[in-house]
């Protein structure tokens, strides 16, 4: 009888342990730690947890050929009663800073833009970080639209806006723009060459290709020359000629960022001729998915 009771206790303990991770009937995910996703708008922060998504009716959906569990982002807007009417652009940002933008129309689309936390019945892997969240656009299978280890969603509502497409259309090949509100600074290659350039070697983290030798100008030097006020800024968005968009925090840009103009002593070429320039934003000590080739616009948010 004692052996039987001991066996029952073991079985009950095993069942309880399994249930705390995943209940196949109720999708009751309960990770050991509380992972929080922040939605930020106009200085207000809203915290999203896996429990909240489940309580709001998280369900399975198919995207990129996989079965995910999550909730349309629009449901979170409704839950928090977020006033989104002034939003001009949104950013989904991973723990490593990797980011992608989304439009107001995408933000409100219940059929396309989802916040997921599980795939095929298992929590999304943290891959050494903390967040199980991911942002997924079901109507876009491109690899750049799936942000893993999602930790922050920014809804930008600038009081004054500038038409980025108009600025890009007016740029010459060897020019890029730095935009803050309605103020636009056009930077030419000659402007950069007037500064003292810096030669540095950077390791292309997490890639088979390792050391790369660049020549560039610290972003902080350029910002200082323009008398930019970054005190109230949160991040900088870098837009490329091929549509790629990346972000750096103000601190990362100031301390790690470079406007690169040459590699191995040679000009970078242009997007049109198959090069990676003429301007390339590089952040030392950050993985290369934080770098932006063919850079055209830097927006200070």
C-alpha atoms as a PDB file:
ATOM      1  CA  UNK A   1       0.000   0.000   0.000  1.00  0.00           C
ATOM      2  CA  UNK A   2       2.845   2.404   0.838  1.00  0.00           C
ATOM      3  CA  UNK A   3       4.420   1.729  -2.550  1.00  0.00           C
ATOM      4  CA  UNK A   4       1.064   2.374  -4.238  1.00  0.00           C
ATOM      5  CA  UNK A   5       0.593   5.683  -2.411  1.00  0.00           C
ATOM      6  CA  UNK A   6       4.138   6.735  -3.290  1.00  0.00           C
ATOM      7  CA  UNK A   7       3.484   5.941  -6.972  1.00  0.00           C
ATOM      8  CA  UNK A   8       0.256   7.963  -6.933  1.00  0.00           C
ATOM      9  CA  UNK A   9       2.079  10.947  -5.420  1.00  0.00           C
ATOM     10  CA  UNK A  10       4.743  10.742  -8.128  1.00  0.00           C
ATOM     11  CA  UNK A  11       2.136  10.544 -10.876  1.00  0.00           C
ATOM     12  CA  UNK A  12       0.217  13.511  -9.487  1.00  0.00           C
ATOM     13  CA  UNK A  13       3.418  15.548  -9.207  1.00  0.00           C
ATOM     14  CA  UNK A  14       4.345  14.739 -12.806  1.00  0.00           C
ATOM     15  CA  UNK A  15       0.872  15.670 -13.994  1.00  0.00           C
ATOM     16  CA  UNK A  16       1.012  18.975 -12.145  1.00  0.00           C
ATOM     17  CA  UNK A  17       4.420  19.760 -13.621  1.00  0.00           C
ATOM     18  CA  UNK A  18       3.175  19.039 -17.139  1.00  0.00           C
ATOM     19  CA  UNK A  19       0.034  21.120 -16.668  1.00  0.00           C
ATOM     20  CA  UNK A  20       2.001  24.146 -15.509  1.00  0.00           C
ATOM     21  CA  UNK A  21       3.786  24.253 -18.843  1.00  0.00           C
ATOM     22  CA  UNK A  22       1.045  23.513 -21.354  1.00  0.00           C
ATOM     23  CA  UNK A  23      -2.504  22.185 -21.305  1.00  0.00           C
ATOM     24  CA  UNK A  24      -3.286  20.798 -24.760  1.00  0.00           C
ATOM     25  CA  UNK A  25      -6.999  21.320 -24.318  1.00  0.00           C
ATOM     26  CA  UNK A  26      -7.016  24.832 -22.904  1.00  0.00           C
ATOM     27  CA  UNK A  27      -3.727  26.264 -24.225  1.00  0.00           C
ATOM     28  CA  UNK A  28      -2.854  27.178 -20.648  1.00  0.00           C
ATOM     29  CA  UNK A  29       0.735  28.353 -21.025  1.00  0.00           C
ATOM     30  CA  UNK A  30       2.283  29.277 -17.720  1.00  0.00           C
ATOM     31  CA  UNK A  31       6.031  29.895 -18.000  1.00  0.00           C
ATOM     32  CA  UNK A  32       8.104  29.979 -14.843  1.00  0.00           C
ATOM     33  CA  UNK A  33       8.871  33.690 -15.243  1.00  0.00           C
ATOM     34  CA  UNK A  34       6.670  36.640 -16.182  1.00  0.00           C
ATOM     35  CA  UNK A  35       7.728  38.061 -19.523  1.00  0.00           C
ATOM     36  CA  UNK A  36       6.420  41.527 -20.300  1.00  0.00           C
ATOM     37  CA  UNK A  37       5.953  43.183 -23.674  1.00  0.00           C
ATOM     38  CA  UNK A  38       5.676  46.979 -23.533  1.00  0.00           C
ATOM     39  CA  UNK A  39       3.443  49.055 -25.803  1.00  0.00           C
ATOM     40  CA  UNK A  40       4.601  52.680 -25.728  1.00  0.00           C
ATOM     41  CA  UNK A  41       2.714  55.725 -27.001  1.00  0.00           C
ATOM     42  CA  UNK A  42       3.081  59.404 -26.063  1.00  0.00           C
ATOM     43  CA  UNK A  43       5.036  58.586 -22.921  1.00  0.00           C
ATOM     44  CA  UNK A  44       2.492  56.021 -21.714  1.00  0.00           C
ATOM     45  CA  UNK A  45       3.515  52.381 -21.316  1.00  0.00           C
ATOM     46  CA  UNK A  46       1.150  49.414 -21.329  1.00  0.00           C
ATOM     47  CA  UNK A  47       2.341  46.005 -20.107  1.00  0.00           C
ATOM     48  CA  UNK A  48       1.382  42.832 -21.964  1.00  0.00           C
ATOM     49  CA  UNK A  49       1.868  39.383 -20.448  1.00  0.00           C
ATOM     50  CA  UNK A  50       1.123  35.894 -21.736  1.00  0.00           C
ATOM     51  CA  UNK A  51      -1.628  35.617 -19.126  1.00  0.00           C
ATOM     52  CA  UNK A  52      -3.248  38.759 -20.513  1.00  0.00           C
ATOM     53  CA  UNK A  53      -3.195  37.409 -24.077  1.00  0.00           C
ATOM     54  CA  UNK A  54      -4.787  34.175 -22.875  1.00  0.00           C
ATOM     55  CA  UNK A  55      -7.455  36.027 -20.912  1.00  0.00           C
ATOM     56  CA  UNK A  56      -8.274  38.135 -23.970  1.00  0.00           C
ATOM     57  CA  UNK A  57      -8.910  34.984 -26.006  1.00  0.00           C
ATOM     58  CA  UNK A  58      -5.589  34.036 -27.586  1.00  0.00           C
ATOM     59  CA  UNK A  59      -6.138  31.394 -30.259  1.00  0.00           C
ATOM     60  CA  UNK A  60      -4.261  29.379 -32.860  1.00  0.00           C
ATOM     61  CA  UNK A  61      -3.569  30.840 -36.293  1.00  0.00           C
ATOM     62  CA  UNK A  62      -1.454  29.833 -39.271  1.00  0.00           C
ATOM     63  CA  UNK A  63       1.395  31.965 -40.639  1.00  0.00           C
ATOM     64  CA  UNK A  64       4.588  31.233 -42.560  1.00  0.00           C
ATOM     65  CA  UNK A  65       3.553  27.571 -42.720  1.00  0.00           C
ATOM     66  CA  UNK A  66       3.460  27.148 -38.930  1.00  0.00           C
ATOM     67  CA  UNK A  67       0.736  27.052 -36.291  1.00  0.00           C
ATOM     68  CA  UNK A  68       1.086  29.901 -33.800  1.00  0.00           C
ATOM     69  CA  UNK A  69      -0.869  30.943 -30.720  1.00  0.00           C
ATOM     70  CA  UNK A  70      -1.531  34.606 -30.114  1.00  0.00           C
ATOM     71  CA  UNK A  71      -3.838  37.556 -30.556  1.00  0.00           C
ATOM     72  CA  UNK A  72      -4.387  40.285 -33.162  1.00  0.00           C
ATOM     73  CA  UNK A  73      -2.570  43.441 -32.101  1.00  0.00           C
ATOM     74  CA  UNK A  74      -5.783  45.406 -32.678  1.00  0.00           C
ATOM     75  CA  UNK A  75      -7.348  43.516 -29.757  1.00  0.00           C
ATOM     76  CA  UNK A  76      -4.687  44.961 -27.457  1.00  0.00           C
ATOM     77  CA  UNK A  77      -5.434  48.480 -28.704  1.00  0.00           C
ATOM     78  CA  UNK A  78      -9.076  47.929 -27.783  1.00  0.00           C
ATOM     79  CA  UNK A  79      -8.265  46.362 -24.415  1.00  0.00           C
ATOM     80  CA  UNK A  80      -6.080  49.274 -23.304  1.00  0.00           C
ATOM     81  CA  UNK A  81      -8.351  51.829 -24.986  1.00  0.00           C
ATOM     82  CA  UNK A  82      -5.329  53.288 -26.793  1.00  0.00           C
ATOM     83  CA  UNK A  83      -6.084  56.329 -28.933  1.00  0.00           C
ATOM     84  CA  UNK A  84      -4.331  55.389 -32.166  1.00  0.00           C
ATOM     85  CA  UNK A  85      -5.794  58.040 -34.483  1.00  0.00           C
ATOM     86  CA  UNK A  86      -2.644  60.180 -34.508  1.00  0.00           C
ATOM     87  CA  UNK A  87      -0.253  57.251 -35.030  1.00  0.00           C
ATOM     88  CA  UNK A  88       1.781  57.703 -38.195  1.00  0.00           C
ATOM     89  CA  UNK A  89       4.026  54.667 -37.868  1.00  0.00           C
ATOM     90  CA  UNK A  90       4.739  51.808 -35.487  1.00  0.00           C
ATOM     91  CA  UNK A  91       7.868  49.883 -34.575  1.00  0.00           C
ATOM     92  CA  UNK A  92       8.176  46.326 -33.288  1.00  0.00           C
ATOM     93  CA  UNK A  93      11.517  45.935 -31.518  1.00  0.00           C
ATOM     94  CA  UNK A  94      13.278  42.762 -30.368  1.00  0.00           C
ATOM     95  CA  UNK A  95      15.497  42.438 -27.315  1.00  0.00           C
ATOM     96  CA  UNK A  96      18.602  42.757 -29.485  1.00  0.00           C
ATOM     97  CA  UNK A  97      17.221  45.942 -31.045  1.00  0.00           C
ATOM     98  CA  UNK A  98      16.220  44.330 -34.349  1.00  0.00           C
ATOM     99  CA  UNK A  99      13.092  46.131 -35.523  1.00  0.00           C
ATOM    100  CA  UNK A 100      10.523  46.483 -38.267  1.00  0.00           C
ATOM    101  CA  UNK A 101       7.955  49.147 -38.976  1.00  0.00           C
ATOM    102  CA  UNK A 102       4.246  48.779 -39.567  1.00  0.00           C
ATOM    103  CA  UNK A 103       1.625  51.148 -40.904  1.00  0.00           C
ATOM    104  CA  UNK A 104      -1.562  52.305 -39.138  1.00  0.00           C
ATOM    105  CA  UNK A 105      -3.584  50.198 -41.575  1.00  0.00           C
ATOM    106  CA  UNK A 106      -1.569  47.083 -40.672  1.00  0.00           C
ATOM    107  CA  UNK A 107      -1.896  47.901 -36.988  1.00  0.00           C
ATOM    108  CA  UNK A 108      -5.703  47.772 -37.198  1.00  0.00           C
ATOM    109  CA  UNK A 109      -5.925  44.672 -39.384  1.00  0.00           C
ATOM    110  CA  UNK A 110      -7.314  41.829 -37.255  1.00  0.00           C
ATOM    111  CA  UNK A 111      -6.463  39.307 -39.966  1.00  0.00           C
ATOM    112  CA  UNK A 112      -2.805  40.187 -40.484  1.00  0.00           C
ATOM    113  CA  UNK A 113      -0.850  41.637 -37.541  1.00  0.00           C
ATOM    114  CA  UNK A 114      -0.565  39.239 -34.572  1.00  0.00           C
ATOM    115  CA  UNK A 115       1.370  39.083 -31.326  1.00  0.00           C
ATOM    116  CA  UNK A 116       2.293  35.433 -30.775  1.00  0.00           C
ATOM    117  CA  UNK A 117       3.833  33.596 -27.846  1.00  0.00           C
ATOM    118  CA  UNK A 118       3.750  29.932 -28.934  1.00  0.00           C
ATOM    119  CA  UNK A 119       4.283  27.749 -31.994  1.00  0.00           C
ATOM    120  CA  UNK A 120       3.042  24.186 -32.389  1.00  0.00           C
ATOM    121  CA  UNK A 121       2.086  24.048 -28.715  1.00  0.00           C
ATOM    122  CA  UNK A 122       5.443  25.243 -27.381  1.00  0.00           C
ATOM    123  CA  UNK A 123       6.423  28.676 -26.114  1.00  0.00           C
ATOM    124  CA  UNK A 124       8.464  30.627 -28.670  1.00  0.00           C
ATOM    125  CA  UNK A 125      12.146  30.126 -27.843  1.00  0.00           C
ATOM    126  CA  UNK A 126      13.962  32.912 -26.071  1.00  0.00           C
ATOM    127  CA  UNK A 127      17.313  31.890 -27.609  1.00  0.00           C
ATOM    128  CA  UNK A 128      19.244  33.062 -24.574  1.00  0.00           C
ATOM    129  CA  UNK A 129      17.090  36.108 -23.930  1.00  0.00           C
ATOM    130  CA  UNK A 130      13.889  36.504 -21.896  1.00  0.00           C
ATOM    131  CA  UNK A 131      10.956  37.224 -24.204  1.00  0.00           C
ATOM    132  CA  UNK A 132       8.649  34.552 -25.622  1.00  0.00           C
ATOM    133  CA  UNK A 133       6.781  37.120 -27.743  1.00  0.00           C
ATOM    134  CA  UNK A 134       6.992  37.565 -31.492  1.00  0.00           C
ATOM    135  CA  UNK A 135       5.282  39.855 -33.998  1.00  0.00           C
ATOM    136  CA  UNK A 136       3.920  38.174 -37.117  1.00  0.00           C
ATOM    137  CA  UNK A 137       2.253  39.507 -40.255  1.00  0.00           C
ATOM    138  CA  UNK A 138       0.249  36.620 -41.694  1.00  0.00           C
ATOM    139  CA  UNK A 139      -0.045  38.285 -45.108  1.00  0.00           C
ATOM    140  CA  UNK A 140       3.707  38.797 -45.440  1.00  0.00           C
ATOM    141  CA  UNK A 141       5.969  35.744 -45.510  1.00  0.00           C
ATOM    142  CA  UNK A 142       9.192  37.700 -45.806  1.00  0.00           C
ATOM    143  CA  UNK A 143      11.801  36.889 -43.131  1.00  0.00           C
ATOM    144  CA  UNK A 144      12.099  40.529 -42.104  1.00  0.00           C
ATOM    145  CA  UNK A 145       8.537  40.787 -40.841  1.00  0.00           C
ATOM    146  CA  UNK A 146       8.888  38.219 -38.040  1.00  0.00           C
ATOM    147  CA  UNK A 147      10.513  39.863 -35.017  1.00  0.00           C
ATOM    148  CA  UNK A 148      11.564  37.316 -32.400  1.00  0.00           C
ATOM    149  CA  UNK A 149      12.105  37.965 -28.681  1.00  0.00           C
ATOM    150  CA  UNK A 150       9.765  40.940 -29.070  1.00  0.00           C
ATOM    151  CA  UNK A 151      10.056  43.280 -26.114  1.00  0.00           C
ATOM    152  CA  UNK A 152       8.712  46.673 -27.199  1.00  0.00           C
ATOM    153  CA  UNK A 153       6.140  48.149 -29.581  1.00  0.00           C
ATOM    154  CA  UNK A 154       6.353  51.888 -30.207  1.00  0.00           C
ATOM    155  CA  UNK A 155       3.439  53.833 -31.666  1.00  0.00           C
ATOM    156  CA  UNK A 156       4.854  57.080 -33.010  1.00  0.00           C
ATOM    157  CA  UNK A 157       2.594  60.134 -32.942  1.00  0.00           C
ATOM    158  CA  UNK A 158       4.808  63.093 -33.849  1.00  0.00           C
ATOM    159  CA  UNK A 159       3.137  66.461 -33.482  1.00  0.00           C
ATOM    160  CA  UNK A 160       4.894  67.589 -36.638  1.00  0.00           C
ATOM    161  CA  UNK A 161       5.681  65.256 -39.509  1.00  0.00           C
ATOM    162  CA  UNK A 162       7.773  65.375 -42.636  1.00  0.00           C
ATOM    163  CA  UNK A 163       7.039  63.471 -45.828  1.00  0.00           C
ATOM    164  CA  UNK A 164       9.888  60.962 -45.923  1.00  0.00           C
ATOM    165  CA  UNK A 165       9.113  59.833 -49.488  1.00  0.00           C
ATOM    166  CA  UNK A 166       9.401  63.409 -50.718  1.00  0.00           C
ATOM    167  CA  UNK A 167      12.794  63.773 -49.039  1.00  0.00           C
ATOM    168  CA  UNK A 168      14.062  60.527 -50.548  1.00  0.00           C
ATOM    169  CA  UNK A 169      12.886  61.559 -54.008  1.00  0.00           C
ATOM    170  CA  UNK A 170      14.899  64.767 -53.715  1.00  0.00           C
ATOM    171  CA  UNK A 171      18.168  63.141 -52.641  1.00  0.00           C
ATOM    172  CA  UNK A 172      21.119  62.829 -54.971  1.00  0.00           C
ATOM    173  CA  UNK A 173      23.012  59.523 -55.014  1.00  0.00           C
ATOM    174  CA  UNK A 174      25.723  60.759 -52.647  1.00  0.00           C
ATOM    175  CA  UNK A 175      23.402  62.389 -50.115  1.00  0.00           C
ATOM    176  CA  UNK A 176      21.414  61.195 -47.122  1.00  0.00           C
ATOM    177  CA  UNK A 177      19.083  63.046 -44.750  1.00  0.00           C
ATOM    178  CA  UNK A 178      18.770  63.333 -40.981  1.00  0.00           C
ATOM    179  CA  UNK A 179      15.208  64.242 -40.004  1.00  0.00           C
ATOM    180  CA  UNK A 180      13.977  65.495 -36.642  1.00  0.00           C
ATOM    181  CA  UNK A 181      10.356  66.664 -36.669  1.00  0.00           C
ATOM    182  CA  UNK A 182      10.095  69.095 -39.571  1.00  0.00           C
ATOM    183  CA  UNK A 183      13.820  69.858 -39.604  1.00  0.00           C
ATOM    184  CA  UNK A 184      15.735  68.149 -42.400  1.00  0.00           C
ATOM    185  CA  UNK A 185      19.535  68.087 -42.636  1.00  0.00           C
ATOM    186  CA  UNK A 186      20.999  66.953 -45.974  1.00  0.00           C
ATOM    187  CA  UNK A 187      24.415  65.317 -45.570  1.00  0.00           C
ATOM    188  CA  UNK A 188      26.673  64.871 -48.588  1.00  0.00           C
ATOM    189  CA  UNK A 189      29.694  62.660 -49.064  1.00  0.00           C
ATOM    190  CA  UNK A 190      31.820  65.812 -49.139  1.00  0.00           C
ATOM    191  CA  UNK A 191      30.367  66.813 -45.764  1.00  0.00           C
ATOM    192  CA  UNK A 192      31.466  63.499 -44.255  1.00  0.00           C
ATOM    193  CA  UNK A 193      34.907  63.661 -45.826  1.00  0.00           C
ATOM    194  CA  UNK A 194      35.420  67.035 -44.164  1.00  0.00           C
ATOM    195  CA  UNK A 195      35.502  65.232 -40.803  1.00  0.00           C
ATOM    196  CA  UNK A 196      38.397  63.148 -39.566  1.00  0.00           C
ATOM    197  CA  UNK A 197      37.572  59.623 -40.705  1.00  0.00           C
ATOM    198  CA  UNK A 198      38.143  56.610 -38.458  1.00  0.00           C
ATOM    199  CA  UNK A 199      39.453  53.216 -39.589  1.00  0.00           C
ATOM    200  CA  UNK A 200      38.138  50.372 -37.448  1.00  0.00           C
ATOM    201  CA  UNK A 201      37.677  46.624 -37.542  1.00  0.00           C
ATOM    202  CA  UNK A 202      34.383  45.123 -36.478  1.00  0.00           C
ATOM    203  CA  UNK A 203      33.379  41.504 -36.033  1.00  0.00           C
ATOM    204  CA  UNK A 204      30.234  40.463 -37.876  1.00  0.00           C
ATOM    205  CA  UNK A 205      28.643  38.800 -34.855  1.00  0.00           C
ATOM    206  CA  UNK A 206      26.792  35.504 -35.255  1.00  0.00           C
ATOM    207  CA  UNK A 207      27.930  35.154 -38.862  1.00  0.00           C
ATOM    208  CA  UNK A 208      30.510  32.900 -40.492  1.00  0.00           C
ATOM    209  CA  UNK A 209      32.130  35.962 -41.981  1.00  0.00           C
ATOM    210  CA  UNK A 210      34.164  37.559 -39.226  1.00  0.00           C
ATOM    211  CA  UNK A 211      36.318  40.695 -39.235  1.00  0.00           C
ATOM    212  CA  UNK A 212      35.499  43.584 -41.568  1.00  0.00           C
ATOM    213  CA  UNK A 213      37.618  46.697 -41.985  1.00  0.00           C
ATOM    214  CA  UNK A 214      35.589  49.900 -42.307  1.00  0.00           C
ATOM    215  CA  UNK A 215      36.229  53.607 -42.657  1.00  0.00           C
ATOM    216  CA  UNK A 216      33.645  55.954 -41.267  1.00  0.00           C
ATOM    217  CA  UNK A 217      32.691  58.888 -39.090  1.00  0.00           C
ATOM    218  CA  UNK A 218      31.212  58.472 -35.598  1.00  0.00           C
ATOM    219  CA  UNK A 219      27.545  59.418 -35.637  1.00  0.00           C
ATOM    220  CA  UNK A 220      28.095  61.490 -32.495  1.00  0.00           C
ATOM    221  CA  UNK A 221      30.522  63.733 -34.406  1.00  0.00           C
ATOM    222  CA  UNK A 222      27.970  64.391 -37.153  1.00  0.00           C
ATOM    223  CA  UNK A 223      25.143  64.980 -34.674  1.00  0.00           C
ATOM    224  CA  UNK A 224      27.267  67.430 -32.694  1.00  0.00           C
ATOM    225  CA  UNK A 225      28.186  69.354 -35.849  1.00  0.00           C
ATOM    226  CA  UNK A 226      24.473  69.813 -36.572  1.00  0.00           C
ATOM    227  CA  UNK A 227      23.710  70.884 -32.987  1.00  0.00           C
ATOM    228  CA  UNK A 228      21.078  68.157 -32.740  1.00  0.00           C
ATOM    229  CA  UNK A 229      19.211  67.961 -29.442  1.00  0.00           C
ATOM    230  CA  UNK A 230      18.791  64.266 -28.622  1.00  0.00           C
ATOM    231  CA  UNK A 231      17.856  64.771 -24.965  1.00  0.00           C
ATOM    232  CA  UNK A 232      14.203  63.853 -25.449  1.00  0.00           C
ATOM    233  CA  UNK A 233      14.686  61.329 -28.238  1.00  0.00           C
ATOM    234  CA  UNK A 234      14.078  57.586 -27.793  1.00  0.00           C
ATOM    235  CA  UNK A 235      15.617  56.015 -30.872  1.00  0.00           C
ATOM    236  CA  UNK A 236      16.850  56.600 -34.387  1.00  0.00           C
ATOM    237  CA  UNK A 237      15.338  54.901 -37.410  1.00  0.00           C
ATOM    238  CA  UNK A 238      17.556  54.142 -40.425  1.00  0.00           C
ATOM    239  CA  UNK A 239      15.866  53.619 -43.803  1.00  0.00           C
ATOM    240  CA  UNK A 240      17.580  52.013 -46.765  1.00  0.00           C
ATOM    241  CA  UNK A 241      17.095  52.259 -50.513  1.00  0.00           C
ATOM    242  CA  UNK A 242      15.815  48.665 -50.620  1.00  0.00           C
ATOM    243  CA  UNK A 243      13.145  49.342 -47.982  1.00  0.00           C
ATOM    244  CA  UNK A 244      15.054  47.801 -45.052  1.00  0.00           C
ATOM    245  CA  UNK A 245      14.537  49.668 -41.780  1.00  0.00           C
ATOM    246  CA  UNK A 246      16.605  49.376 -38.621  1.00  0.00           C
ATOM    247  CA  UNK A 247      16.763  51.190 -35.310  1.00  0.00           C
ATOM    248  CA  UNK A 248      19.322  52.158 -32.717  1.00  0.00           C
ATOM    249  CA  UNK A 249      18.673  53.642 -29.331  1.00  0.00           C
ATOM    250  CA  UNK A 250      20.076  57.123 -28.820  1.00  0.00           C
ATOM    251  CA  UNK A 251      22.753  55.663 -26.543  1.00  0.00           C
ATOM    252  CA  UNK A 252      23.733  53.024 -29.126  1.00  0.00           C
ATOM    253  CA  UNK A 253      23.945  55.603 -31.903  1.00  0.00           C
ATOM    254  CA  UNK A 254      25.982  58.012 -29.805  1.00  0.00           C
ATOM    255  CA  UNK A 255      28.440  55.441 -28.483  1.00  0.00           C
ATOM    256  CA  UNK A 256      28.574  52.660 -31.104  1.00  0.00           C
ATOM    257  CA  UNK A 257      27.256  54.143 -34.340  1.00  0.00           C
ATOM    258  CA  UNK A 258      29.267  55.064 -37.444  1.00  0.00           C
ATOM    259  CA  UNK A 259      28.378  56.393 -40.862  1.00  0.00           C
ATOM    260  CA  UNK A 260      30.613  54.090 -42.900  1.00  0.00           C
ATOM    261  CA  UNK A 261      31.799  55.203 -46.348  1.00  0.00           C
ATOM    262  CA  UNK A 262      34.457  52.613 -47.242  1.00  0.00           C
ATOM    263  CA  UNK A 263      35.417  48.992 -46.662  1.00  0.00           C
ATOM    264  CA  UNK A 264      38.970  47.713 -47.083  1.00  0.00           C
ATOM    265  CA  UNK A 265      39.895  51.205 -48.227  1.00  0.00           C
ATOM    266  CA  UNK A 266      37.436  51.138 -51.141  1.00  0.00           C
ATOM    267  CA  UNK A 267      34.190  53.101 -51.660  1.00  0.00           C
ATOM    268  CA  UNK A 268      31.066  51.076 -50.920  1.00  0.00           C
ATOM    269  CA  UNK A 269      29.381  51.503 -54.293  1.00  0.00           C
ATOM    270  CA  UNK A 270      25.651  52.167 -54.544  1.00  0.00           C
ATOM    271  CA  UNK A 271      22.427  50.206 -54.389  1.00  0.00           C
ATOM    272  CA  UNK A 272      21.964  50.742 -58.138  1.00  0.00           C
ATOM    273  CA  UNK A 273      25.362  49.259 -59.045  1.00  0.00           C
ATOM    274  CA  UNK A 274      25.231  46.328 -56.617  1.00  0.00           C
ATOM    275  CA  UNK A 275      27.271  47.896 -53.827  1.00  0.00           C
ATOM    276  CA  UNK A 276      26.318  48.345 -50.180  1.00  0.00           C
ATOM    277  CA  UNK A 277      26.494  52.160 -49.989  1.00  0.00           C
ATOM    278  CA  UNK A 278      27.353  54.832 -50.597  1.00  0.00           C
ATOM    279  CA  UNK A 279      26.405  55.160 -46.906  1.00  0.00           C
ATOM    280  CA  UNK A 280      26.272  52.280 -44.449  1.00  0.00           C
ATOM    281  CA  UNK A 281      25.203  52.662 -40.808  1.00  0.00           C
ATOM    282  CA  UNK A 282      27.224  50.309 -38.615  1.00  0.00           C
ATOM    283  CA  UNK A 283      27.028  49.822 -34.848  1.00  0.00           C
ATOM    284  CA  UNK A 284      30.200  48.368 -33.373  1.00  0.00           C
ATOM    285  CA  UNK A 285      29.713  45.404 -31.013  1.00  0.00           C
ATOM    286  CA  UNK A 286      26.172  44.826 -32.261  1.00  0.00           C
ATOM    287  CA  UNK A 287      25.176  42.029 -34.692  1.00  0.00           C
ATOM    288  CA  UNK A 288      24.956  42.896 -38.370  1.00  0.00           C
ATOM    289  CA  UNK A 289      21.157  42.718 -38.428  1.00  0.00           C
ATOM    290  CA  UNK A 290      21.427  46.098 -36.688  1.00  0.00           C
ATOM    291  CA  UNK A 291      23.396  47.582 -39.596  1.00  0.00           C
ATOM    292  CA  UNK A 292      21.715  49.276 -42.570  1.00  0.00           C
ATOM    293  CA  UNK A 293      23.196  49.198 -46.064  1.00  0.00           C
ATOM    294  CA  UNK A 294      22.252  51.794 -48.741  1.00  0.00           C
ATOM    295  CA  UNK A 295      21.169  54.144 -45.938  1.00  0.00           C
ATOM    296  CA  UNK A 296      19.164  57.150 -47.106  1.00  0.00           C
ATOM    297  CA  UNK A 297      17.251  58.554 -44.140  1.00  0.00           C
ATOM    298  CA  UNK A 298      17.925  58.814 -40.414  1.00  0.00           C
ATOM    299  CA  UNK A 299      14.811  59.767 -38.436  1.00  0.00           C
ATOM    300  CA  UNK A 300      15.140  60.905 -34.834  1.00  0.00           C
ATOM    301  CA  UNK A 301      12.113  59.760 -32.852  1.00  0.00           C
END
